[in-house]
Amino acid sequence: MKKQDKAPEIYRRLTKAFPDAHCELNHENPFQLLIATILSAQCTDVRVNMVTPLLFKTYPNPEKLALAEQLSVEEIIRSTGFYKNKAKNIIGCAQALVSSHKGQVPQSIEELAALPGVGRKTANVVLSNCFDINEGVVVDTHVKRISGLLGLTKEETPEKIEVDLMKLFPQKDWGMLSHLMIFHGRRTCIARRPQCDLCVLLDLCPSKLKKSRSK
């Protein structure tokens, strides 16, 4: 089956399998999600969710975080890894929000990507989850791996993978597509121990078929 033909079926099956798929970074507003997503780089959502309650209690808005001392922020977020650079970025991001956006999180990918510590992936996360704006597909490690396994892309870089996925799925589904693939990657198609016998996409997965024929 061509990837153009199986893409809608993949989406349908994943939606049925994971009807509760959602962003697993805890947040109450766009500012919190923006900061949490920056912290999630090379870190699990579970770990980020462990540090953000204290972070947002101490710095509840961009104005407070913009005035924070870096060492104080570093101490709170230390366990997320690369904490020095992350502390610098989230403080700088807050300062940019205050100075250039009146303390509000912008709603365009260009303005978001211009903020310290924010790239296209983070911008897409915020736009999709907070403003219901689908400018692209969030490509994290799960989306990258599963897209490749399913034969939806042969590309290796997130930017090129995103382009391929945007061609295969309607724009209205781009935000949810990432959640569905991430849920699938965390619960079924686990990187080091894939549960192929439980996979709803088994017959659509060329990687599984190749493995079966090689046995």
N, C-alpha and C. Protein backbone atom coordinates (compact mmCIF):
# COMPACT_ATOMS: atom_id res chain seq x y z
N MET A 1 0.85 -1.20 0.00
CA MET A 1 0.00 0.00 0.00
C MET A 1 0.89 1.25 0.00
N LYS A 2 0.56 2.19 -0.87
CA LYS A 2 1.31 3.43 -0.93
C LYS A 2 1.08 4.24 0.35
N LYS A 3 2.09 5.02 0.73
CA LYS A 3 1.99 5.78 1.97
C LYS A 3 0.84 6.80 1.91
N GLN A 4 0.55 7.31 0.73
CA GLN A 4 -0.56 8.25 0.59
C GLN A 4 -1.89 7.58 0.92
N ASP A 5 -1.98 6.29 0.62
CA ASP A 5 -3.22 5.56 0.85
C ASP A 5 -3.35 5.09 2.30
N LYS A 6 -2.23 4.72 2.91
CA LYS A 6 -2.33 4.19 4.26
C LYS A 6 -2.30 5.27 5.35
N ALA A 7 -1.89 6.48 5.02
CA ALA A 7 -1.84 7.56 6.01
C ALA A 7 -3.19 7.79 6.69
N PRO A 8 -4.30 7.90 5.93
CA PRO A 8 -5.60 8.10 6.59
C PRO A 8 -5.98 6.94 7.51
N GLU A 9 -5.63 5.72 7.12
CA GLU A 9 -5.95 4.56 7.93
C GLU A 9 -5.11 4.53 9.21
N ILE A 10 -3.86 4.95 9.10
CA ILE A 10 -3.01 5.04 10.29
C ILE A 10 -3.60 6.03 11.28
N TYR A 11 -4.03 7.16 10.77
CA TYR A 11 -4.61 8.19 11.64
C TYR A 11 -5.90 7.67 12.29
N ARG A 12 -6.71 7.01 11.51
CA ARG A 12 -7.99 6.50 12.03
C ARG A 12 -7.76 5.48 13.14
N ARG A 13 -6.84 4.57 12.91
CA ARG A 13 -6.60 3.51 13.90
C ARG A 13 -5.97 4.07 15.18
N LEU A 14 -5.03 4.99 15.02
CA LEU A 14 -4.41 5.58 16.21
C LEU A 14 -5.41 6.39 17.02
N THR A 15 -6.31 7.08 16.32
CA THR A 15 -7.35 7.86 17.02
C THR A 15 -8.26 6.94 17.82
N LYS A 16 -8.57 5.80 17.26
CA LYS A 16 -9.41 4.83 17.97
C LYS A 16 -8.67 4.20 19.14
N ALA A 17 -7.38 3.95 18.95
CA ALA A 17 -6.58 3.30 20.00
C ALA A 17 -6.25 4.25 21.14
N PHE A 18 -6.07 5.54 20.82
CA PHE A 18 -5.68 6.53 21.83
C PHE A 18 -6.60 7.74 21.78
N PRO A 19 -7.87 7.57 22.14
CA PRO A 19 -8.82 8.69 22.08
C PRO A 19 -8.50 9.81 23.05
N ASP A 20 -7.65 9.51 24.04
CA ASP A 20 -7.31 10.52 25.04
C ASP A 20 -5.93 11.15 24.77
N ALA A 21 -5.39 10.95 23.59
CA ALA A 21 -4.06 11.49 23.28
C ALA A 21 -4.04 13.00 23.47
N HIS A 22 -3.01 13.48 24.14
CA HIS A 22 -2.92 14.91 24.45
C HIS A 22 -1.48 15.26 24.81
N CYS A 23 -1.21 16.54 24.96
CA CYS A 23 0.11 17.00 25.40
C CYS A 23 0.30 16.58 26.85
N GLU A 24 1.40 15.89 27.13
CA GLU A 24 1.62 15.39 28.49
C GLU A 24 2.52 16.30 29.33
N LEU A 25 2.81 17.47 28.83
CA LEU A 25 3.48 18.49 29.64
C LEU A 25 2.39 19.26 30.39
N ASN A 26 2.42 19.21 31.70
CA ASN A 26 1.40 19.90 32.50
C ASN A 26 1.54 21.41 32.34
N HIS A 27 0.43 22.07 32.10
CA HIS A 27 0.45 23.53 31.95
C HIS A 27 -0.95 24.09 32.15
N GLU A 28 -1.01 25.36 32.51
CA GLU A 28 -2.29 26.02 32.71
C GLU A 28 -2.50 27.16 31.73
N ASN A 29 -1.47 27.55 31.02
CA ASN A 29 -1.58 28.66 30.08
C ASN A 29 -0.43 28.59 29.07
N PRO A 30 -0.47 29.40 28.02
CA PRO A 30 0.57 29.36 26.99
C PRO A 30 1.98 29.62 27.52
N PHE A 31 2.11 30.53 28.46
CA PHE A 31 3.43 30.81 29.04
C PHE A 31 4.02 29.57 29.68
N GLN A 32 3.23 28.87 30.46
CA GLN A 32 3.73 27.67 31.13
C GLN A 32 4.11 26.58 30.12
N LEU A 33 3.31 26.40 29.09
CA LEU A 33 3.64 25.38 28.10
C LEU A 33 4.90 25.76 27.33
N LEU A 34 5.06 27.02 27.02
CA LEU A 34 6.25 27.49 26.31
C LEU A 34 7.51 27.16 27.12
N ILE A 35 7.49 27.50 28.39
CA ILE A 35 8.65 27.25 29.24
C ILE A 35 8.88 25.76 29.44
N ALA A 36 7.80 25.02 29.67
CA ALA A 36 7.92 23.57 29.88
C ALA A 36 8.49 22.89 28.64
N THR A 37 8.10 23.34 27.47
CA THR A 37 8.59 22.72 26.23
C THR A 37 10.07 23.01 26.03
N ILE A 38 10.51 24.19 26.38
CA ILE A 38 11.94 24.49 26.32
C ILE A 38 12.71 23.56 27.26
N LEU A 39 12.16 23.33 28.43
CA LEU A 39 12.82 22.45 29.41
C LEU A 39 12.81 20.99 28.98
N SER A 40 11.88 20.62 28.10
CA SER A 40 11.73 19.22 27.72
C SER A 40 12.79 18.74 26.73
N ALA A 41 13.60 19.65 26.22
CA ALA A 41 14.65 19.25 25.28
C ALA A 41 15.58 18.24 25.94
N GLN A 42 15.73 17.07 25.32
CA GLN A 42 16.60 16.00 25.84
C GLN A 42 16.25 15.65 27.29
N CYS A 43 14.96 15.67 27.57
CA CYS A 43 14.46 15.35 28.90
C CYS A 43 13.06 14.79 28.77
N THR A 44 12.63 13.96 29.70
CA THR A 44 11.29 13.39 29.62
C THR A 44 10.24 14.36 30.13
N ASP A 45 9.02 14.21 29.63
CA ASP A 45 7.91 15.03 30.13
C ASP A 45 7.69 14.78 31.61
N VAL A 46 7.88 13.55 32.04
CA VAL A 46 7.69 13.20 33.45
C VAL A 46 8.62 14.01 34.33
N ARG A 47 9.88 14.10 33.96
CA ARG A 47 10.85 14.87 34.73
C ARG A 47 10.51 16.35 34.73
N VAL A 48 10.14 16.88 33.55
CA VAL A 48 9.77 18.30 33.47
C VAL A 48 8.58 18.59 34.39
N ASN A 49 7.61 17.69 34.38
CA ASN A 49 6.43 17.89 35.23
C ASN A 49 6.76 17.85 36.72
N MET A 50 7.91 17.31 37.06
CA MET A 50 8.32 17.27 38.45
C MET A 50 8.91 18.60 38.92
N VAL A 51 9.48 19.37 37.98
CA VAL A 51 10.13 20.62 38.38
C VAL A 51 9.28 21.86 38.12
N THR A 52 8.35 21.78 37.19
CA THR A 52 7.59 22.99 36.85
C THR A 52 6.65 23.49 37.95
N PRO A 53 6.09 22.65 38.81
CA PRO A 53 5.24 23.22 39.88
C PRO A 53 5.97 24.25 40.72
N LEU A 54 7.19 23.94 41.15
CA LEU A 54 7.96 24.91 41.94
C LEU A 54 8.40 26.09 41.09
N LEU A 55 8.79 25.80 39.85
CA LEU A 55 9.23 26.88 38.96
C LEU A 55 8.12 27.90 38.76
N PHE A 56 6.91 27.43 38.47
CA PHE A 56 5.81 28.36 38.19
C PHE A 56 5.21 28.96 39.46
N LYS A 57 5.42 28.31 40.58
CA LYS A 57 5.01 28.92 41.85
C LYS A 57 5.93 30.09 42.19
N THR A 58 7.21 29.90 41.88
CA THR A 58 8.20 30.94 42.15
C THR A 58 8.15 32.06 41.12
N TYR A 59 7.94 31.66 39.87
CA TYR A 59 7.90 32.63 38.76
C TYR A 59 6.62 32.39 37.96
N PRO A 60 5.49 32.92 38.41
CA PRO A 60 4.19 32.60 37.82
C PRO A 60 3.88 33.27 36.48
N ASN A 61 4.70 34.20 36.06
CA ASN A 61 4.42 34.91 34.82
C ASN A 61 5.73 35.39 34.19
N PRO A 62 5.69 35.85 32.94
CA PRO A 62 6.91 36.31 32.27
C PRO A 62 7.61 37.44 33.02
N GLU A 63 6.83 38.33 33.60
CA GLU A 63 7.42 39.47 34.31
C GLU A 63 8.30 39.01 35.47
N LYS A 64 7.84 38.02 36.23
CA LYS A 64 8.61 37.52 37.36
C LYS A 64 9.84 36.75 36.88
N LEU A 65 9.67 35.90 35.88
CA LEU A 65 10.79 35.10 35.38
C LEU A 65 11.85 35.98 34.72
N ALA A 66 11.41 37.06 34.09
CA ALA A 66 12.35 37.96 33.42
C ALA A 66 13.32 38.61 34.41
N LEU A 67 12.92 38.71 35.66
CA LEU A 67 13.75 39.34 36.69
C LEU A 67 14.50 38.32 37.55
N ALA A 68 14.36 37.06 37.22
CA ALA A 68 14.94 36.00 38.04
C ALA A 68 16.47 35.97 37.94
N GLU A 69 17.10 35.53 39.02
CA GLU A 69 18.55 35.30 39.01
C GLU A 69 18.79 33.91 38.42
N GLN A 70 19.74 33.84 37.52
CA GLN A 70 19.96 32.57 36.82
C GLN A 70 20.29 31.42 37.77
N LEU A 71 21.09 31.67 38.78
CA LEU A 71 21.47 30.62 39.71
C LEU A 71 20.25 30.04 40.43
N SER A 72 19.28 30.89 40.74
CA SER A 72 18.07 30.43 41.42
C SER A 72 17.24 29.54 40.49
N VAL A 73 17.16 29.93 39.24
CA VAL A 73 16.43 29.12 38.26
C VAL A 73 17.16 27.81 38.01
N GLU A 74 18.47 27.87 37.91
CA GLU A 74 19.26 26.66 37.70
C GLU A 74 19.00 25.62 38.78
N GLU A 75 18.91 26.08 40.00
CA GLU A 75 18.72 25.15 41.12
C GLU A 75 17.38 24.42 41.00
N ILE A 76 16.36 25.12 40.53
CA ILE A 76 15.03 24.51 40.40
C ILE A 76 14.97 23.51 39.26
N ILE A 77 15.62 23.83 38.15
CA ILE A 77 15.48 22.99 36.95
C ILE A 77 16.67 22.05 36.74
N ARG A 78 17.56 21.97 37.69
CA ARG A 78 18.81 21.21 37.55
C ARG A 78 18.59 19.79 37.01
N SER A 79 17.57 19.11 37.50
CA SER A 79 17.37 17.70 37.15
C SER A 79 16.92 17.48 35.71
N THR A 80 16.59 18.55 34.98
CA THR A 80 16.16 18.39 33.58
C THR A 80 17.34 18.26 32.63
N GLY A 81 18.56 18.47 33.15
CA GLY A 81 19.73 18.38 32.29
C GLY A 81 19.99 19.67 31.53
N PHE A 82 21.27 19.91 31.21
CA PHE A 82 21.66 21.13 30.48
C PHE A 82 21.04 22.37 31.14
N TYR A 83 21.00 22.33 32.47
CA TYR A 83 20.23 23.32 33.22
C TYR A 83 20.76 24.74 33.11
N LYS A 84 22.07 24.88 32.91
CA LYS A 84 22.62 26.23 32.79
C LYS A 84 22.10 26.92 31.53
N ASN A 85 22.19 26.21 30.42
CA ASN A 85 21.72 26.77 29.16
C ASN A 85 20.21 26.95 29.16
N LYS A 86 19.49 25.98 29.75
CA LYS A 86 18.03 26.09 29.81
C LYS A 86 17.59 27.26 30.67
N ALA A 87 18.29 27.47 31.79
CA ALA A 87 17.95 28.60 32.66
C ALA A 87 18.16 29.92 31.92
N LYS A 88 19.27 30.01 31.20
CA LYS A 88 19.55 31.21 30.42
C LYS A 88 18.47 31.44 29.37
N ASN A 89 18.05 30.36 28.71
CA ASN A 89 17.05 30.47 27.65
C ASN A 89 15.67 30.86 28.18
N ILE A 90 15.23 30.24 29.27
CA ILE A 90 13.87 30.56 29.72
C ILE A 90 13.79 31.96 30.33
N ILE A 91 14.88 32.40 30.95
CA ILE A 91 14.91 33.79 31.44
C ILE A 91 14.92 34.75 30.25
N GLY A 92 15.74 34.44 29.26
CA GLY A 92 15.80 35.28 28.06
C GLY A 92 14.48 35.29 27.31
N CYS A 93 13.82 34.14 27.28
CA CYS A 93 12.52 34.04 26.63
C CYS A 93 11.51 34.93 27.34
N ALA A 94 11.50 34.87 28.67
CA ALA A 94 10.58 35.70 29.45
C ALA A 94 10.87 37.18 29.22
N GLN A 95 12.13 37.53 29.17
CA GLN A 95 12.50 38.93 28.94
C GLN A 95 12.02 39.40 27.57
N ALA A 96 12.14 38.55 26.57
CA ALA A 96 11.68 38.90 25.23
C ALA A 96 10.16 39.03 25.19
N LEU A 97 9.46 38.16 25.92
CA LEU A 97 8.00 38.27 25.98
C LEU A 97 7.59 39.61 26.57
N VAL A 98 8.29 40.03 27.61
CA VAL A 98 7.95 41.30 28.28
C VAL A 98 8.30 42.49 27.40
N SER A 99 9.50 42.46 26.82
CA SER A 99 9.97 43.63 26.07
C SER A 99 9.34 43.77 24.68
N SER A 100 9.02 42.64 24.07
CA SER A 100 8.55 42.69 22.68
C SER A 100 7.09 42.31 22.49
N HIS A 101 6.48 41.66 23.49
CA HIS A 101 5.11 41.16 23.31
C HIS A 101 4.19 41.48 24.49
N LYS A 102 4.57 42.46 25.29
CA LYS A 102 3.75 42.90 26.42
C LYS A 102 3.40 41.75 27.36
N GLY A 103 4.32 40.80 27.48
CA GLY A 103 4.13 39.69 28.40
C GLY A 103 3.23 38.59 27.88
N GLN A 104 2.82 38.68 26.62
CA GLN A 104 1.93 37.68 26.04
C GLN A 104 2.70 36.76 25.09
N VAL A 105 2.30 35.51 25.04
CA VAL A 105 2.92 34.57 24.11
C VAL A 105 2.37 34.83 22.71
N PRO A 106 3.23 35.12 21.75
CA PRO A 106 2.76 35.42 20.39
C PRO A 106 2.11 34.20 19.73
N GLN A 107 1.32 34.46 18.70
CA GLN A 107 0.58 33.39 18.04
C GLN A 107 1.00 33.18 16.59
N SER A 108 2.24 33.47 16.29
CA SER A 108 2.76 33.17 14.96
C SER A 108 4.06 32.40 15.11
N ILE A 109 4.31 31.50 14.19
CA ILE A 109 5.49 30.65 14.29
C ILE A 109 6.77 31.47 14.14
N GLU A 110 6.70 32.54 13.35
CA GLU A 110 7.87 33.38 13.15
C GLU A 110 8.25 34.10 14.45
N GLU A 111 7.26 34.67 15.13
CA GLU A 111 7.53 35.39 16.37
C GLU A 111 7.97 34.45 17.49
N LEU A 112 7.35 33.29 17.55
CA LEU A 112 7.73 32.31 18.57
C LEU A 112 9.15 31.81 18.35
N ALA A 113 9.48 31.47 17.11
CA ALA A 113 10.80 30.91 16.81
C ALA A 113 11.91 31.93 17.01
N ALA A 114 11.56 33.18 17.11
CA ALA A 114 12.56 34.23 17.34
C ALA A 114 12.91 34.37 18.82
N LEU A 115 12.15 33.73 19.70
CA LEU A 115 12.40 33.82 21.13
C LEU A 115 13.58 32.94 21.52
N PRO A 116 14.36 33.34 22.52
CA PRO A 116 15.50 32.52 22.98
C PRO A 116 15.05 31.11 23.38
N GLY A 117 15.77 30.11 22.89
CA GLY A 117 15.48 28.73 23.26
C GLY A 117 14.32 28.09 22.53
N VAL A 118 13.73 28.84 21.59
CA VAL A 118 12.54 28.33 20.89
C VAL A 118 12.86 28.06 19.43
N GLY A 119 12.59 26.85 18.98
CA GLY A 119 12.74 26.49 17.58
C GLY A 119 11.37 26.17 17.00
N ARG A 120 11.37 25.62 15.82
CA ARG A 120 10.12 25.32 15.14
C ARG A 120 9.29 24.29 15.91
N LYS A 121 9.96 23.28 16.47
CA LYS A 121 9.25 22.25 17.21
C LYS A 121 8.50 22.84 18.40
N THR A 122 9.19 23.63 19.20
CA THR A 122 8.56 24.25 20.38
C THR A 122 7.44 25.18 19.95
N ALA A 123 7.66 25.94 18.89
CA ALA A 123 6.63 26.85 18.39
C ALA A 123 5.38 26.09 17.98
N ASN A 124 5.57 24.96 17.29
CA ASN A 124 4.43 24.14 16.87
C ASN A 124 3.67 23.58 18.06
N VAL A 125 4.39 23.17 19.10
CA VAL A 125 3.75 22.65 20.32
C VAL A 125 2.82 23.70 20.92
N VAL A 126 3.32 24.90 21.06
CA VAL A 126 2.54 25.98 21.69
C VAL A 126 1.36 26.39 20.81
N LEU A 127 1.59 26.58 19.53
CA LEU A 127 0.52 27.01 18.63
C LEU A 127 -0.62 26.01 18.59
N SER A 128 -0.27 24.73 18.47
CA SER A 128 -1.29 23.70 18.35
C SER A 128 -2.08 23.50 19.63
N ASN A 129 -1.37 23.42 20.75
CA ASN A 129 -2.02 23.07 22.01
C ASN A 129 -2.70 24.23 22.71
N CYS A 130 -2.19 25.43 22.50
CA CYS A 130 -2.75 26.59 23.21
C CYS A 130 -3.68 27.44 22.34
N PHE A 131 -3.43 27.44 21.04
CA PHE A 131 -4.20 28.34 20.18
C PHE A 131 -4.94 27.61 19.06
N ASP A 132 -4.82 26.28 19.03
CA ASP A 132 -5.47 25.48 18.00
C ASP A 132 -5.06 25.95 16.60
N ILE A 133 -3.78 26.29 16.46
CA ILE A 133 -3.23 26.72 15.18
C ILE A 133 -2.25 25.66 14.71
N ASN A 134 -2.53 25.04 13.57
CA ASN A 134 -1.67 23.99 13.04
C ASN A 134 -0.81 24.55 11.90
N GLU A 135 0.40 24.97 12.25
CA GLU A 135 1.33 25.47 11.25
C GLU A 135 2.28 24.37 10.77
N GLY A 136 2.35 23.28 11.52
CA GLY A 136 3.24 22.19 11.15
C GLY A 136 3.03 21.00 12.07
N VAL A 137 3.90 20.01 11.93
CA VAL A 137 3.82 18.79 12.72
C VAL A 137 5.00 18.77 13.69
N VAL A 138 4.73 18.54 14.95
CA VAL A 138 5.80 18.41 15.94
C VAL A 138 6.52 17.09 15.70
N VAL A 139 7.81 17.15 15.42
CA VAL A 139 8.61 15.95 15.19
C VAL A 139 9.60 15.76 16.33
N ASP A 140 9.23 14.92 17.29
CA ASP A 140 10.14 14.58 18.37
C ASP A 140 10.75 13.21 18.07
N THR A 141 11.42 12.60 19.04
CA THR A 141 12.08 11.32 18.79
C THR A 141 11.07 10.22 18.45
N HIS A 142 9.90 10.25 19.10
CA HIS A 142 8.88 9.23 18.83
C HIS A 142 8.31 9.39 17.43
N VAL A 143 7.96 10.60 17.07
CA VAL A 143 7.39 10.85 15.74
C VAL A 143 8.40 10.51 14.65
N LYS A 144 9.65 10.87 14.87
CA LYS A 144 10.70 10.56 13.90
C LYS A 144 10.83 9.05 13.71
N ARG A 145 10.90 8.32 14.80
CA ARG A 145 11.11 6.88 14.73
C ARG A 145 9.92 6.16 14.11
N ILE A 146 8.72 6.49 14.55
CA ILE A 146 7.53 5.79 14.07
C ILE A 146 7.22 6.13 12.63
N SER A 147 7.45 7.37 12.24
CA SER A 147 7.23 7.75 10.84
C SER A 147 8.13 6.94 9.92
N GLY A 148 9.35 6.72 10.37
CA GLY A 148 10.28 5.92 9.58
C GLY A 148 9.89 4.45 9.53
N LEU A 149 9.51 3.90 10.69
CA LEU A 149 9.11 2.50 10.75
C LEU A 149 7.89 2.21 9.87
N LEU A 150 6.97 3.15 9.83
CA LEU A 150 5.75 2.97 9.05
C LEU A 150 5.94 3.27 7.56
N GLY A 151 7.12 3.70 7.20
CA GLY A 151 7.39 3.99 5.79
C GLY A 151 6.77 5.28 5.30
N LEU A 152 6.49 6.19 6.23
CA LEU A 152 5.90 7.47 5.84
C LEU A 152 6.96 8.47 5.39
N THR A 153 8.20 8.19 5.72
CA THR A 153 9.30 9.07 5.32
C THR A 153 10.60 8.28 5.31
N LYS A 154 11.52 8.73 4.48
CA LYS A 154 12.86 8.16 4.46
C LYS A 154 13.87 9.19 4.95
N GLU A 155 13.36 10.35 5.33
CA GLU A 155 14.23 11.43 5.77
C GLU A 155 14.74 11.20 7.19
N GLU A 156 15.80 11.90 7.56
CA GLU A 156 16.41 11.74 8.87
C GLU A 156 16.28 12.98 9.74
N THR A 157 16.18 14.14 9.13
CA THR A 157 16.11 15.37 9.92
C THR A 157 14.66 15.73 10.24
N PRO A 158 14.41 16.28 11.43
CA PRO A 158 13.04 16.65 11.80
C PRO A 158 12.38 17.57 10.78
N GLU A 159 13.15 18.51 10.24
CA GLU A 159 12.58 19.46 9.29
C GLU A 159 12.05 18.77 8.03
N LYS A 160 12.81 17.84 7.50
CA LYS A 160 12.39 17.14 6.29
C LYS A 160 11.29 16.12 6.57
N ILE A 161 11.36 15.50 7.75
CA ILE A 161 10.29 14.57 8.14
C ILE A 161 8.98 15.32 8.26
N GLU A 162 9.03 16.50 8.86
CA GLU A 162 7.84 17.32 9.01
C GLU A 162 7.21 17.64 7.66
N VAL A 163 8.02 17.98 6.70
CA VAL A 163 7.51 18.28 5.35
C VAL A 163 6.80 17.08 4.77
N ASP A 164 7.39 15.89 4.92
CA ASP A 164 6.77 14.68 4.38
C ASP A 164 5.42 14.41 5.05
N LEU A 165 5.36 14.56 6.36
CA LEU A 165 4.11 14.30 7.08
C LEU A 165 3.04 15.33 6.73
N MET A 166 3.44 16.57 6.52
CA MET A 166 2.48 17.61 6.15
C MET A 166 1.84 17.33 4.79
N LYS A 167 2.57 16.63 3.93
CA LYS A 167 2.04 16.28 2.62
C LYS A 167 1.05 15.12 2.69
N LEU A 168 1.19 14.28 3.71
CA LEU A 168 0.38 13.06 3.80
C LEU A 168 -0.90 13.24 4.62
N PHE A 169 -0.91 14.19 5.53
CA PHE A 169 -2.06 14.36 6.42
C PHE A 169 -2.65 15.76 6.28
N PRO A 170 -3.98 15.89 6.39
CA PRO A 170 -4.60 17.21 6.27
C PRO A 170 -4.17 18.13 7.42
N GLN A 171 -4.12 19.40 7.13
CA GLN A 171 -3.62 20.37 8.11
C GLN A 171 -4.38 20.34 9.42
N LYS A 172 -5.67 20.09 9.37
CA LYS A 172 -6.48 20.07 10.59
C LYS A 172 -6.04 18.96 11.55
N ASP A 173 -5.31 17.97 11.03
CA ASP A 173 -4.90 16.83 11.85
C ASP A 173 -3.45 16.91 12.32
N TRP A 174 -2.72 17.92 11.91
CA TRP A 174 -1.28 17.95 12.20
C TRP A 174 -0.98 17.95 13.70
N GLY A 175 -1.72 18.73 14.46
CA GLY A 175 -1.46 18.79 15.89
C GLY A 175 -1.74 17.47 16.58
N MET A 176 -2.88 16.88 16.29
CA MET A 176 -3.25 15.62 16.93
C MET A 176 -2.37 14.47 16.44
N LEU A 177 -1.91 14.53 15.20
CA LEU A 177 -1.05 13.48 14.68
C LEU A 177 0.17 13.27 15.57
N SER A 178 0.78 14.35 16.00
CA SER A 178 1.95 14.23 16.87
C SER A 178 1.60 13.55 18.18
N HIS A 179 0.49 13.96 18.79
CA HIS A 179 0.07 13.34 20.05
C HIS A 179 -0.17 11.85 19.88
N LEU A 180 -0.83 11.49 18.79
CA LEU A 180 -1.15 10.08 18.55
C LEU A 180 0.13 9.25 18.38
N MET A 181 1.08 9.76 17.61
CA MET A 181 2.32 9.03 17.41
C MET A 181 3.14 8.94 18.69
N ILE A 182 3.12 10.02 19.46
CA ILE A 182 3.86 10.02 20.73
C ILE A 182 3.24 9.02 21.71
N PHE A 183 1.91 9.01 21.80
CA PHE A 183 1.24 8.03 22.67
C PHE A 183 1.57 6.62 22.21
N HIS A 184 1.53 6.40 20.90
CA HIS A 184 1.84 5.08 20.34
C HIS A 184 3.28 4.68 20.66
N GLY A 185 4.18 5.64 20.56
CA GLY A 185 5.59 5.37 20.82
C GLY A 185 5.89 5.11 22.28
N ARG A 186 5.12 5.72 23.17
CA ARG A 186 5.35 5.55 24.60
C ARG A 186 4.63 4.34 25.18
N ARG A 187 3.58 3.89 24.51
CA ARG A 187 2.75 2.83 25.08
C ARG A 187 2.78 1.51 24.33
N THR A 188 3.04 1.56 23.03
CA THR A 188 3.03 0.33 22.23
C THR A 188 4.34 0.13 21.48
N CYS A 189 4.66 1.04 20.59
CA CYS A 189 5.88 0.91 19.79
C CYS A 189 7.06 1.52 20.55
N ILE A 190 7.36 0.91 21.69
CA ILE A 190 8.41 1.40 22.57
C ILE A 190 9.77 1.08 21.95
N ALA A 191 10.66 2.04 21.96
CA ALA A 191 11.90 1.94 21.19
C ALA A 191 12.65 0.63 21.39
N ARG A 192 12.94 0.25 22.62
CA ARG A 192 13.78 -0.92 22.85
C ARG A 192 12.97 -2.20 23.11
N ARG A 193 11.69 -2.07 23.25
CA ARG A 193 10.86 -3.25 23.47
C ARG A 193 9.47 -3.06 22.85
N PRO A 194 9.43 -2.96 21.52
CA PRO A 194 8.14 -2.76 20.84
C PRO A 194 7.18 -3.93 21.07
N GLN A 195 5.94 -3.60 21.38
CA GLN A 195 4.93 -4.62 21.61
C GLN A 195 4.13 -4.84 20.33
N CYS A 196 4.79 -5.46 19.36
CA CYS A 196 4.20 -5.63 18.03
C CYS A 196 2.91 -6.45 18.07
N ASP A 197 2.81 -7.37 19.02
CA ASP A 197 1.62 -8.20 19.11
C ASP A 197 0.40 -7.41 19.54
N LEU A 198 0.62 -6.22 20.10
CA LEU A 198 -0.49 -5.37 20.54
C LEU A 198 -0.72 -4.19 19.60
N CYS A 199 0.07 -4.10 18.53
CA CYS A 199 0.04 -2.93 17.67
C CYS A 199 -1.14 -2.94 16.70
N VAL A 200 -1.89 -1.87 16.70
CA VAL A 200 -3.05 -1.76 15.79
C VAL A 200 -2.62 -1.45 14.36
N LEU A 201 -1.33 -1.18 14.18
CA LEU A 201 -0.82 -0.85 12.85
C LEU A 201 0.05 -1.97 12.27
N LEU A 202 -0.02 -3.13 12.88
CA LEU A 202 0.87 -4.23 12.52
C LEU A 202 0.88 -4.54 11.02
N ASP A 203 -0.29 -4.63 10.42
CA ASP A 203 -0.38 -4.99 9.00
C ASP A 203 0.02 -3.85 8.07
N LEU A 204 0.17 -2.64 8.63
CA LEU A 204 0.55 -1.49 7.83
C LEU A 204 2.03 -1.13 8.00
N CYS A 205 2.73 -1.90 8.83
CA CYS A 205 4.10 -1.55 9.19
C CYS A 205 5.10 -2.36 8.37
N PRO A 206 5.75 -1.76 7.38
CA PRO A 206 6.72 -2.48 6.56
C PRO A 206 7.92 -2.95 7.35
N SER A 207 8.27 -2.26 8.41
CA SER A 207 9.41 -2.66 9.23
C SER A 207 9.13 -3.98 9.92
N LYS A 208 7.90 -4.16 10.40
CA LYS A 208 7.53 -5.42 11.03
C LYS A 208 7.51 -6.55 10.02
N LEU A 209 7.01 -6.27 8.83
CA LEU A 209 6.93 -7.29 7.79
C LEU A 209 8.32 -7.75 7.38
N LYS A 210 9.25 -6.81 7.28
CA LYS A 210 10.63 -7.16 6.93
C LYS A 210 11.26 -8.04 8.00
N LYS A 211 10.99 -7.70 9.26
CA LYS A 211 11.53 -8.49 10.35
C LYS A 211 10.98 -9.91 10.32
N SER A 212 9.69 -10.02 10.02
CA SER A 212 9.04 -11.33 9.98
C SER A 212 9.65 -12.20 8.89
N ARG A 213 9.89 -11.61 7.70
CA ARG A 213 10.42 -12.38 6.58
C ARG A 213 11.86 -12.80 6.80
N SER A 214 12.57 -12.05 7.66
CA SER A 214 13.98 -12.35 7.88
C SER A 214 14.19 -13.44 8.91
N LYS A 215 13.12 -13.84 9.61
CA LYS A 215 13.26 -14.87 10.64
C LYS A 215 13.40 -16.26 10.03
